[in-house]
Amino acid sequence: MVWYTKDGKIMRTIEGLFLAVWSLLAEMSPYLLFGFFVAGILYILIPREKIYKHFSRNNLASITKASLFGVPLPLCSCGVIPVTAHLRKEGAGKGAAMAFLVSTPATGVDSILATYSLLGPVFAVIRPVAALLAGFLAGTLTMIGDHEKEKPMQEGFSCTVCSETDPHSHSLSVRIKAMFRYAFFDLVGDTGKWIILGVVIGGLISYLVPTSLIQQYLGDPKLAYPLMVLIGLPMYVCATGSIPIAASLILKGMTPGAGLVFLITGPASNTATISFVLGKLGKRSLVIYLFSITVTAVLSGMFLDSIWFSAGKDIKYFMPGMLMMPEWVNTVSGILLVFFILNAFFRQRGKKIMHTGMIFSVPDMECRHCVKTIKGSLQSLSGVSGVNIDLKKKEVEVTGDRTEADIRAAVEKAGYTVVSRIK
């Protein structure tokens, strides 16, 4: 058989690829696990209504708060869409909504720690600062010339543990369970496949792509920056999944600044968010959105490369985080992370439509955050006895004593679109 060639070349290639992929995953895993844990704490400690009430005014204070709130939140460029839509419906100013839309997916507490693990402290500091500046720039430009009247924020209760809308509280043990469920199931389920995809691509680049090729075409910022922008803006990649790709390219000869351009543009935007901004906020807002992300990414990349050139192009100043953790910690963390990702994957696959109620198509539902948001909105309706959601088919099934119009209104209130009723 071909696997047993005389020199064992194919087997050595497979082994080399596996080790390259595993090495990247293991290096990131301790920081990712800690990042997911911190994200779970933030999820429990900061209810949405406490965030919303700060965004209503059309001024720099609301824009700054929206940008600051967005940086640590672990929402991808898909998950941030319904939250932004809800912010607008609850009375948030257009500038604050735009700032939140830009700053949130570009980074998060989990990706900040993962950035440190593979790219070191310089990247880990500059990346969230760039996300903050991009959000502030987008929000400020949106606010200028926008004469929208301020709307009072709607008061309401939104429980992060359950779907009840009446004010209540939960015991510490229930809140802790909800924290771990969100961190290591919901959030891992949202980002797991993108982390694995990013690690595999990074491993392939590290093992197969010649260093000379990267140095020739991506070692020059004049070529690398525009290419990273063109690839990053329409591409769907989460803030964490983009890290191993950038790290592998930088180790092969791409400038750190070009890597930063990709780390900002890739997670901050994709075709879905571009469509959302165009449809919900208008053409002018779309131009501002793309301009703010691109300009901030390029200027941040130029700033980082200036530091790199000043340091004599010594890559060790940008990737010291790789040597921080003991090998056994990386190995155990890597095994745990793979277990959590597989657990989330198989639990999600088990969710199927029962065909006992009304079924609707919701095409802009993309991740576990979307599922949780839609489910919570529907379960808050009195008379709804059950909600089943098939994320893969983008279908929502509702059982109970509510009309089709009520269900459509609840999904739309959550920030999503019901295209058709299937049954």
Protein backbone atom coordinates (compact mmCIF):
# COMPACT_ATOMS: atom_id res chain seq x y z
CA MET A 1 0.00 0.00 0.00
CA VAL A 2 1.05 3.59 -0.58
CA TRP A 3 1.29 4.25 3.18
CA TYR A 4 4.28 1.95 3.42
CA THR A 5 6.69 3.42 0.92
CA LYS A 6 10.34 2.51 1.21
CA ASP A 7 11.43 5.77 2.73
CA GLY A 8 8.21 6.28 4.70
CA LYS A 9 7.85 9.79 3.26
CA ILE A 10 4.05 9.90 3.37
CA MET A 11 3.91 8.69 6.96
CA ARG A 12 6.57 11.21 8.00
CA THR A 13 4.56 13.97 6.29
CA ILE A 14 1.38 12.99 8.13
CA GLU A 15 3.26 12.78 11.41
CA GLY A 16 4.88 16.17 10.79
CA LEU A 17 1.53 17.80 10.00
CA PHE A 18 -0.08 16.30 13.09
CA LEU A 19 2.74 17.51 15.34
CA ALA A 20 2.62 21.01 13.83
CA VAL A 21 -1.15 21.25 14.36
CA TRP A 22 -0.98 19.79 17.87
CA SER A 23 1.86 22.12 18.86
CA LEU A 24 -0.18 25.20 17.92
CA LEU A 25 -3.29 23.89 19.69
CA ALA A 26 -1.40 22.95 22.86
CA GLU A 27 0.32 26.35 23.06
CA MET A 28 -3.03 28.15 22.90
CA SER A 29 -5.09 25.81 25.07
CA PRO A 30 -4.18 27.01 28.63
CA TYR A 31 -4.95 30.59 27.68
CA LEU A 32 -8.11 29.66 25.81
CA LEU A 33 -9.49 27.66 28.73
CA PHE A 34 -8.79 30.51 31.12
CA GLY A 35 -10.29 32.96 28.63
CA PHE A 36 -13.49 30.92 28.35
CA PHE A 37 -13.69 30.83 32.15
CA VAL A 38 -13.34 34.61 32.42
CA ALA A 39 -15.93 35.04 29.66
CA GLY A 40 -18.34 32.94 31.70
CA ILE A 41 -17.80 35.19 34.72
CA LEU A 42 -18.46 38.30 32.60
CA TYR A 43 -21.59 36.69 31.21
CA ILE A 44 -23.03 36.21 34.70
CA LEU A 45 -21.82 39.47 36.25
CA ILE A 46 -22.80 41.89 33.46
CA PRO A 47 -26.47 41.51 32.45
CA ARG A 48 -27.41 42.94 29.07
CA GLU A 49 -29.75 45.60 30.43
CA LYS A 50 -26.83 47.12 32.35
CA ILE A 51 -24.95 47.45 29.07
CA TYR A 52 -27.86 48.76 27.02
CA LYS A 53 -28.73 51.67 29.32
CA HIS A 54 -25.34 53.31 28.72
CA PHE A 55 -25.71 53.53 24.93
CA SER A 56 -28.80 55.68 24.42
CA ARG A 57 -27.28 59.12 23.98
CA ASN A 58 -25.85 60.23 20.66
CA ASN A 59 -22.57 61.53 22.09
CA LEU A 60 -18.92 60.62 22.56
CA ALA A 61 -19.54 59.22 26.04
CA SER A 62 -21.95 56.57 24.71
CA ILE A 63 -19.58 55.76 21.83
CA THR A 64 -16.64 55.37 24.21
CA LYS A 65 -18.65 53.13 26.55
CA ALA A 66 -19.87 51.01 23.63
CA SER A 67 -16.30 50.55 22.37
CA LEU A 68 -15.00 49.70 25.84
CA PHE A 69 -17.83 47.26 26.55
CA GLY A 70 -17.26 45.57 23.21
CA VAL A 71 -13.54 44.81 23.58
CA PRO A 72 -13.72 42.07 26.27
CA LEU A 73 -17.01 40.48 25.15
CA PRO A 74 -16.47 37.10 23.43
CA LEU A 75 -18.86 37.66 20.50
CA CYS A 76 -17.92 36.82 16.92
CA SER A 77 -18.82 38.96 13.89
CA CYS A 78 -21.94 36.83 13.52
CA GLY A 79 -23.05 36.82 17.16
CA VAL A 80 -22.64 40.58 17.47
CA ILE A 81 -25.29 41.26 14.78
CA PRO A 82 -28.43 40.43 16.80
CA VAL A 83 -27.03 42.15 19.88
CA THR A 84 -26.43 45.31 17.85
CA ALA A 85 -29.90 45.06 16.31
CA HIS A 86 -31.39 44.75 19.79
CA LEU A 87 -29.36 47.73 20.99
CA ARG A 88 -30.89 49.84 18.24
CA LYS A 89 -34.41 48.66 19.02
CA GLU A 90 -33.90 49.36 22.72
CA GLY A 91 -32.94 52.97 21.93
CA ALA A 92 -29.15 52.95 21.47
CA GLY A 93 -27.78 55.75 19.28
CA LYS A 94 -26.54 54.85 15.81
CA GLY A 95 -22.99 55.92 16.70
CA ALA A 96 -22.88 53.75 19.84
CA ALA A 97 -24.35 50.78 17.95
CA MET A 98 -21.72 51.14 15.23
CA ALA A 99 -18.91 51.40 17.80
CA PHE A 100 -20.13 48.22 19.49
CA LEU A 101 -20.50 46.40 16.15
CA VAL A 102 -16.89 47.17 15.19
CA SER A 103 -15.00 46.77 18.49
CA THR A 104 -16.69 43.62 19.79
CA PRO A 105 -15.81 40.89 17.24
CA ALA A 106 -12.25 42.14 16.64
CA THR A 107 -11.16 40.77 20.00
CA GLY A 108 -12.40 39.32 23.30
CA VAL A 109 -11.06 38.22 26.64
CA ASP A 110 -10.44 34.69 25.33
CA SER A 111 -8.66 35.89 22.18
CA ILE A 112 -6.53 38.40 24.11
CA LEU A 113 -5.10 35.57 26.21
CA ALA A 114 -4.70 33.33 23.16
CA THR A 115 -2.95 36.16 21.33
CA TYR A 116 -0.46 36.39 24.17
CA SER A 117 0.13 32.63 24.04
CA LEU A 118 1.24 32.61 20.39
CA LEU A 119 2.19 36.19 19.58
CA GLY A 120 3.41 37.63 22.87
CA PRO A 121 2.58 40.71 24.98
CA VAL A 122 3.15 43.35 22.29
CA PHE A 123 0.44 41.85 20.08
CA ALA A 124 -1.77 41.16 23.11
CA VAL A 125 -1.74 44.87 24.02
CA ILE A 126 -1.89 46.45 20.56
CA ARG A 127 -4.71 44.24 19.27
CA PRO A 128 -7.43 45.23 21.80
CA VAL A 129 -6.28 48.86 21.66
CA ALA A 130 -6.72 48.78 17.88
CA ALA A 131 -10.19 47.25 18.28
CA LEU A 132 -11.11 50.01 20.72
CA LEU A 133 -9.85 52.73 18.37
CA ALA A 134 -11.64 51.19 15.38
CA GLY A 135 -14.91 51.17 17.29
CA PHE A 136 -14.44 54.73 18.50
CA LEU A 137 -13.57 55.96 14.99
CA ALA A 138 -16.55 54.20 13.41
CA GLY A 139 -18.93 55.46 16.09
CA THR A 140 -17.65 59.05 15.93
CA LEU A 141 -17.85 59.24 12.13
CA THR A 142 -21.36 57.79 12.28
CA MET A 143 -22.42 60.33 14.89
CA ILE A 144 -21.12 63.28 12.84
CA GLY A 145 -23.90 64.46 10.58
CA ASP A 146 -26.41 62.04 12.09
CA HIS A 147 -29.32 64.07 13.51
CA GLU A 148 -31.33 61.15 14.81
CA LYS A 149 -33.42 62.05 17.85
CA GLU A 150 -32.43 60.32 21.06
CA LYS A 151 -34.88 57.67 22.23
CA PRO A 152 -35.25 56.68 25.88
CA MET A 153 -33.96 53.22 26.62
CA GLN A 154 -36.71 50.73 27.37
CA GLU A 155 -36.62 49.36 30.87
CA GLY A 156 -36.79 45.62 31.23
CA PHE A 157 -35.34 42.59 32.92
CA SER A 158 -33.18 40.10 31.06
CA CYS A 159 -32.00 37.10 33.06
CA THR A 160 -28.70 35.64 31.89
CA VAL A 161 -29.39 32.31 33.61
CA CYS A 162 -32.90 31.50 32.35
CA SER A 163 -35.49 32.91 29.96
CA GLU A 164 -37.79 34.53 32.53
CA THR A 165 -38.43 38.26 32.03
CA ASP A 166 -39.96 38.93 35.45
CA PRO A 167 -37.38 40.21 37.99
CA HIS A 168 -35.99 37.38 40.12
CA SER A 169 -32.70 35.96 41.39
CA HIS A 170 -30.88 32.62 41.40
CA SER A 171 -28.79 30.83 43.98
CA LEU A 172 -24.99 30.91 43.74
CA SER A 173 -24.82 27.25 42.69
CA VAL A 174 -27.29 27.82 39.82
CA ARG A 175 -25.33 30.87 38.64
CA ILE A 176 -22.05 28.94 38.73
CA LYS A 177 -23.58 26.12 36.67
CA ALA A 178 -24.87 28.66 34.17
CA MET A 179 -21.41 30.26 34.00
CA PHE A 180 -19.70 26.95 33.18
CA ARG A 181 -22.47 25.98 30.74
CA TYR A 182 -22.03 29.23 28.84
CA ALA A 183 -18.21 29.17 28.93
CA PHE A 184 -17.51 25.54 28.10
CA PHE A 185 -20.53 24.60 26.03
CA ASP A 186 -22.19 27.64 24.42
CA LEU A 187 -19.00 29.63 23.82
CA VAL A 188 -16.85 26.62 22.97
CA GLY A 189 -19.61 25.44 20.63
CA ASP A 190 -19.60 28.83 18.86
CA THR A 191 -15.85 29.09 18.45
CA GLY A 192 -14.61 25.49 18.53
CA LYS A 193 -14.81 24.70 14.82
CA TRP A 194 -13.14 28.00 13.96
CA ILE A 195 -10.35 27.37 16.46
CA ILE A 196 -9.74 23.93 14.97
CA LEU A 197 -9.90 25.30 11.42
CA GLY A 198 -7.46 28.08 12.27
CA VAL A 199 -5.06 25.67 13.99
CA VAL A 200 -5.16 23.24 11.05
CA ILE A 201 -4.51 26.02 8.52
CA GLY A 202 -1.73 27.36 10.74
CA GLY A 203 -0.18 23.89 10.99
CA LEU A 204 -0.35 23.42 7.22
CA ILE A 205 1.34 26.78 6.66
CA SER A 206 3.99 26.02 9.27
CA TYR A 207 4.86 22.60 7.87
CA LEU A 208 4.27 22.86 4.10
CA VAL A 209 4.74 26.47 2.96
CA PRO A 210 8.38 27.39 2.24
CA THR A 211 9.72 30.33 4.24
CA SER A 212 11.21 31.86 1.09
CA LEU A 213 7.76 32.05 -0.53
CA ILE A 214 6.22 33.99 2.37
CA GLN A 215 9.24 36.28 2.64
CA GLN A 216 9.10 37.04 -1.09
CA TYR A 217 5.41 37.94 -1.30
CA LEU A 218 4.35 38.89 2.25
CA GLY A 219 7.59 40.29 3.63
CA ASP A 220 6.88 43.60 1.89
CA PRO A 221 4.15 45.63 3.69
CA LYS A 222 3.18 47.40 0.44
CA LEU A 223 1.93 44.06 -0.89
CA ALA A 224 1.04 42.30 2.35
CA TYR A 225 -1.23 44.98 3.84
CA PRO A 226 -3.67 45.27 0.89
CA LEU A 227 -3.73 41.49 0.51
CA MET A 228 -4.58 40.95 4.19
CA VAL A 229 -7.35 43.58 3.95
CA LEU A 230 -8.85 41.98 0.84
CA ILE A 231 -8.76 38.53 2.43
CA GLY A 232 -9.85 39.63 5.90
CA LEU A 233 -12.86 41.90 5.26
CA PRO A 234 -15.22 39.36 3.59
CA MET A 235 -13.86 36.31 5.44
CA TYR A 236 -15.64 34.75 8.42
CA VAL A 237 -13.04 33.89 11.06
CA CYS A 238 -13.36 34.33 14.81
CA ALA A 239 -10.93 36.44 16.83
CA THR A 240 -9.32 33.32 18.29
CA GLY A 241 -9.27 31.15 15.16
CA SER A 242 -7.36 33.83 13.26
CA ILE A 243 -4.41 33.75 15.68
CA PRO A 244 -2.65 30.50 14.60
CA ILE A 245 -2.98 31.51 10.94
CA ALA A 246 -1.29 34.87 11.56
CA ALA A 247 1.33 33.33 13.84
CA SER A 248 2.34 30.75 11.23
CA LEU A 249 2.61 33.37 8.49
CA ILE A 250 4.72 35.66 10.69
CA LEU A 251 7.09 32.85 11.63
CA LYS A 252 7.49 32.14 7.91
CA GLY A 253 8.48 35.71 7.07
CA MET A 254 5.37 37.92 6.89
CA THR A 255 5.79 41.20 8.75
CA PRO A 256 4.10 41.36 12.20
CA GLY A 257 2.21 44.45 11.03
CA ALA A 258 0.61 42.53 8.15
CA GLY A 259 -0.36 39.82 10.63
CA LEU A 260 -2.04 42.46 12.80
CA VAL A 261 -3.95 43.77 9.77
CA PHE A 262 -5.39 40.28 9.28
CA LEU A 263 -6.12 39.88 13.01
CA ILE A 264 -8.23 43.06 12.92
CA THR A 265 -9.99 42.87 9.55
CA GLY A 266 -10.71 39.12 9.60
CA PRO A 267 -12.68 38.90 12.88
CA ALA A 268 -14.19 42.42 12.67
CA SER A 269 -16.03 41.92 9.41
CA ASN A 270 -17.54 39.36 7.07
CA THR A 271 -20.15 39.28 4.34
CA ALA A 272 -22.97 38.89 6.89
CA THR A 273 -22.03 41.99 8.90
CA ILE A 274 -21.50 43.97 5.70
CA SER A 275 -25.00 43.04 4.59
CA PHE A 276 -26.40 43.90 8.04
CA VAL A 277 -24.81 47.36 8.10
CA LEU A 278 -26.02 48.11 4.58
CA GLY A 279 -29.58 46.96 5.27
CA LYS A 280 -30.07 48.29 8.81
CA LEU A 281 -27.80 51.33 9.02
CA GLY A 282 -27.50 52.48 5.39
CA LYS A 283 -24.87 53.01 2.68
CA ARG A 284 -23.14 55.87 4.49
CA SER A 285 -22.73 53.70 7.59
CA LEU A 286 -21.34 50.84 5.47
CA VAL A 287 -18.65 53.13 4.01
CA ILE A 288 -17.77 54.33 7.52
CA TYR A 289 -17.75 50.74 8.79
CA LEU A 290 -15.31 49.45 6.16
CA PHE A 291 -13.21 52.64 6.24
CA SER A 292 -12.78 52.57 10.03
CA ILE A 293 -11.77 48.91 10.15
CA THR A 294 -9.35 49.24 7.22
CA VAL A 295 -7.70 52.48 8.33
CA THR A 296 -7.29 51.33 11.92
CA ALA A 297 -5.90 47.97 10.82
CA VAL A 298 -3.37 49.49 8.41
CA LEU A 299 -2.22 52.24 10.79
CA SER A 300 -1.89 49.73 13.64
CA GLY A 301 0.08 47.43 11.37
CA MET A 302 2.40 50.27 10.36
CA PHE A 303 2.92 51.17 14.02
CA LEU A 304 3.75 47.57 14.93
CA ASP A 305 6.13 47.18 11.99
CA SER A 306 7.91 50.39 12.99
CA ILE A 307 8.58 48.79 16.39
CA TRP A 308 9.72 45.61 14.66
CA PHE A 309 12.12 47.45 12.35
CA SER A 310 13.49 49.40 15.34
CA ALA A 311 14.14 46.09 17.10
CA GLY A 312 16.21 44.90 14.13
CA LYS A 313 13.48 42.58 12.80
CA ASP A 314 14.07 40.19 15.70
CA ILE A 315 10.94 38.02 15.90
CA LYS A 316 11.70 36.86 19.46
CA TYR A 317 10.48 40.22 20.78
CA PHE A 318 7.03 39.49 19.38
CA MET A 319 6.52 35.83 20.29
CA PRO A 320 7.96 35.22 23.77
CA GLY A 321 4.65 33.86 25.03
CA MET A 322 5.36 30.51 23.36
CA LEU A 323 7.86 29.55 26.08
CA MET A 324 5.75 30.47 29.11
CA MET A 325 3.87 27.28 29.98
CA PRO A 326 5.37 23.89 30.99
CA GLU A 327 4.87 21.13 28.46
CA TRP A 328 2.59 19.06 30.71
CA VAL A 329 0.27 22.03 31.24
CA ASN A 330 -0.01 22.54 27.47
CA THR A 331 -0.67 18.83 26.90
CA VAL A 332 -3.36 18.51 29.57
CA SER A 333 -4.99 21.76 28.46
CA GLY A 334 -4.96 20.66 24.82
CA ILE A 335 -6.67 17.37 25.69
CA LEU A 336 -9.29 19.22 27.79
CA LEU A 337 -9.98 21.73 25.02
CA VAL A 338 -10.44 18.98 22.43
CA PHE A 339 -12.80 17.19 24.82
CA PHE A 340 -14.91 20.35 25.30
CA ILE A 341 -15.04 21.01 21.55
CA LEU A 342 -16.07 17.42 20.75
CA ASN A 343 -18.64 17.45 23.56
CA ALA A 344 -20.20 20.67 22.26
CA PHE A 345 -20.17 19.34 18.69
CA PHE A 346 -21.96 16.08 19.48
CA ARG A 347 -24.48 17.74 21.81
CA GLN A 348 -25.34 20.23 19.07
CA ARG A 349 -25.77 17.45 16.51
CA GLY A 350 -28.29 15.79 18.81
CA LYS A 351 -30.67 18.78 18.62
CA LYS A 352 -33.31 17.97 16.00
CA ILE A 353 -36.67 19.33 14.98
CA MET A 354 -39.48 17.13 16.38
CA HIS A 355 -42.09 18.18 13.77
CA THR A 356 -44.78 18.62 16.40
CA GLY A 357 -45.22 22.40 16.14
CA MET A 358 -44.87 25.35 13.78
CA ILE A 359 -41.52 25.40 11.97
CA PHE A 360 -39.89 28.55 10.61
CA SER A 361 -36.80 29.27 8.51
CA VAL A 362 -34.37 31.78 10.08
CA PRO A 363 -31.46 32.11 7.61
CA ASP A 364 -29.39 34.65 9.59
CA MET A 365 -29.02 32.29 12.56
CA GLU A 366 -25.34 31.30 12.54
CA CYS A 367 -24.07 30.30 15.99
CA ARG A 368 -24.92 29.13 19.50
CA HIS A 369 -25.35 32.73 20.60
CA CYS A 370 -28.03 33.10 17.93
CA VAL A 371 -29.76 29.95 19.19
CA LYS A 372 -29.71 31.14 22.79
CA THR A 373 -31.02 34.61 21.86
CA ILE A 374 -33.90 33.32 19.72
CA LYS A 375 -34.82 30.61 22.22
CA GLY A 376 -34.88 33.08 25.09
CA SER A 377 -37.09 35.49 23.15
CA LEU A 378 -39.58 32.76 22.22
CA GLN A 379 -39.67 31.17 25.67
CA SER A 380 -40.51 34.55 27.18
CA LEU A 381 -43.89 34.38 25.39
CA SER A 382 -46.67 33.08 27.59
CA GLY A 383 -48.28 30.01 26.06
CA VAL A 384 -45.09 28.70 24.40
CA SER A 385 -44.50 25.18 25.73
CA GLY A 386 -41.43 24.20 23.73
CA VAL A 387 -38.74 25.54 21.39
CA ASN A 388 -36.50 23.31 19.27
CA ILE A 389 -33.81 24.82 17.06
CA ASP A 390 -31.78 23.08 14.34
CA LEU A 391 -28.79 25.35 13.79
CA LYS A 392 -27.48 23.36 10.83
CA LYS A 393 -30.77 23.62 8.92
CA LYS A 394 -31.48 27.12 10.34
CA GLU A 395 -34.96 26.05 11.42
CA VAL A 396 -36.95 26.98 14.53
CA GLU A 397 -39.84 24.88 15.83
CA VAL A 398 -42.32 26.31 18.35
CA THR A 399 -45.04 24.40 20.19
CA GLY A 400 -47.73 25.99 22.29
CA ASP A 401 -50.68 28.33 22.11
CA ARG A 402 -49.32 31.33 20.17
CA THR A 403 -50.09 32.67 16.71
CA GLU A 404 -47.66 32.73 13.81
CA ALA A 405 -47.59 36.54 14.01
CA ASP A 406 -46.57 36.39 17.69
CA ILE A 407 -43.71 34.00 16.94
CA ARG A 408 -42.47 36.08 14.01
CA ALA A 409 -42.55 39.21 16.16
CA ALA A 410 -40.55 37.50 18.93
CA VAL A 411 -37.84 36.31 16.51
CA GLU A 412 -37.64 39.74 14.89
CA LYS A 413 -37.46 41.39 18.31
CA ALA A 414 -34.40 39.24 19.00
CA GLY A 415 -32.77 40.74 15.90
CA TYR A 416 -33.38 37.99 13.34
CA THR A 417 -35.46 37.51 10.21
CA VAL A 418 -38.14 34.90 9.61
CA VAL A 419 -38.09 34.16 5.89
CA SER A 420 -40.86 31.58 5.71
CA ARG A 421 -42.99 29.14 7.64
CA ILE A 422 -42.08 25.59 6.61
CA LYS A 423 -44.89 23.85 8.47
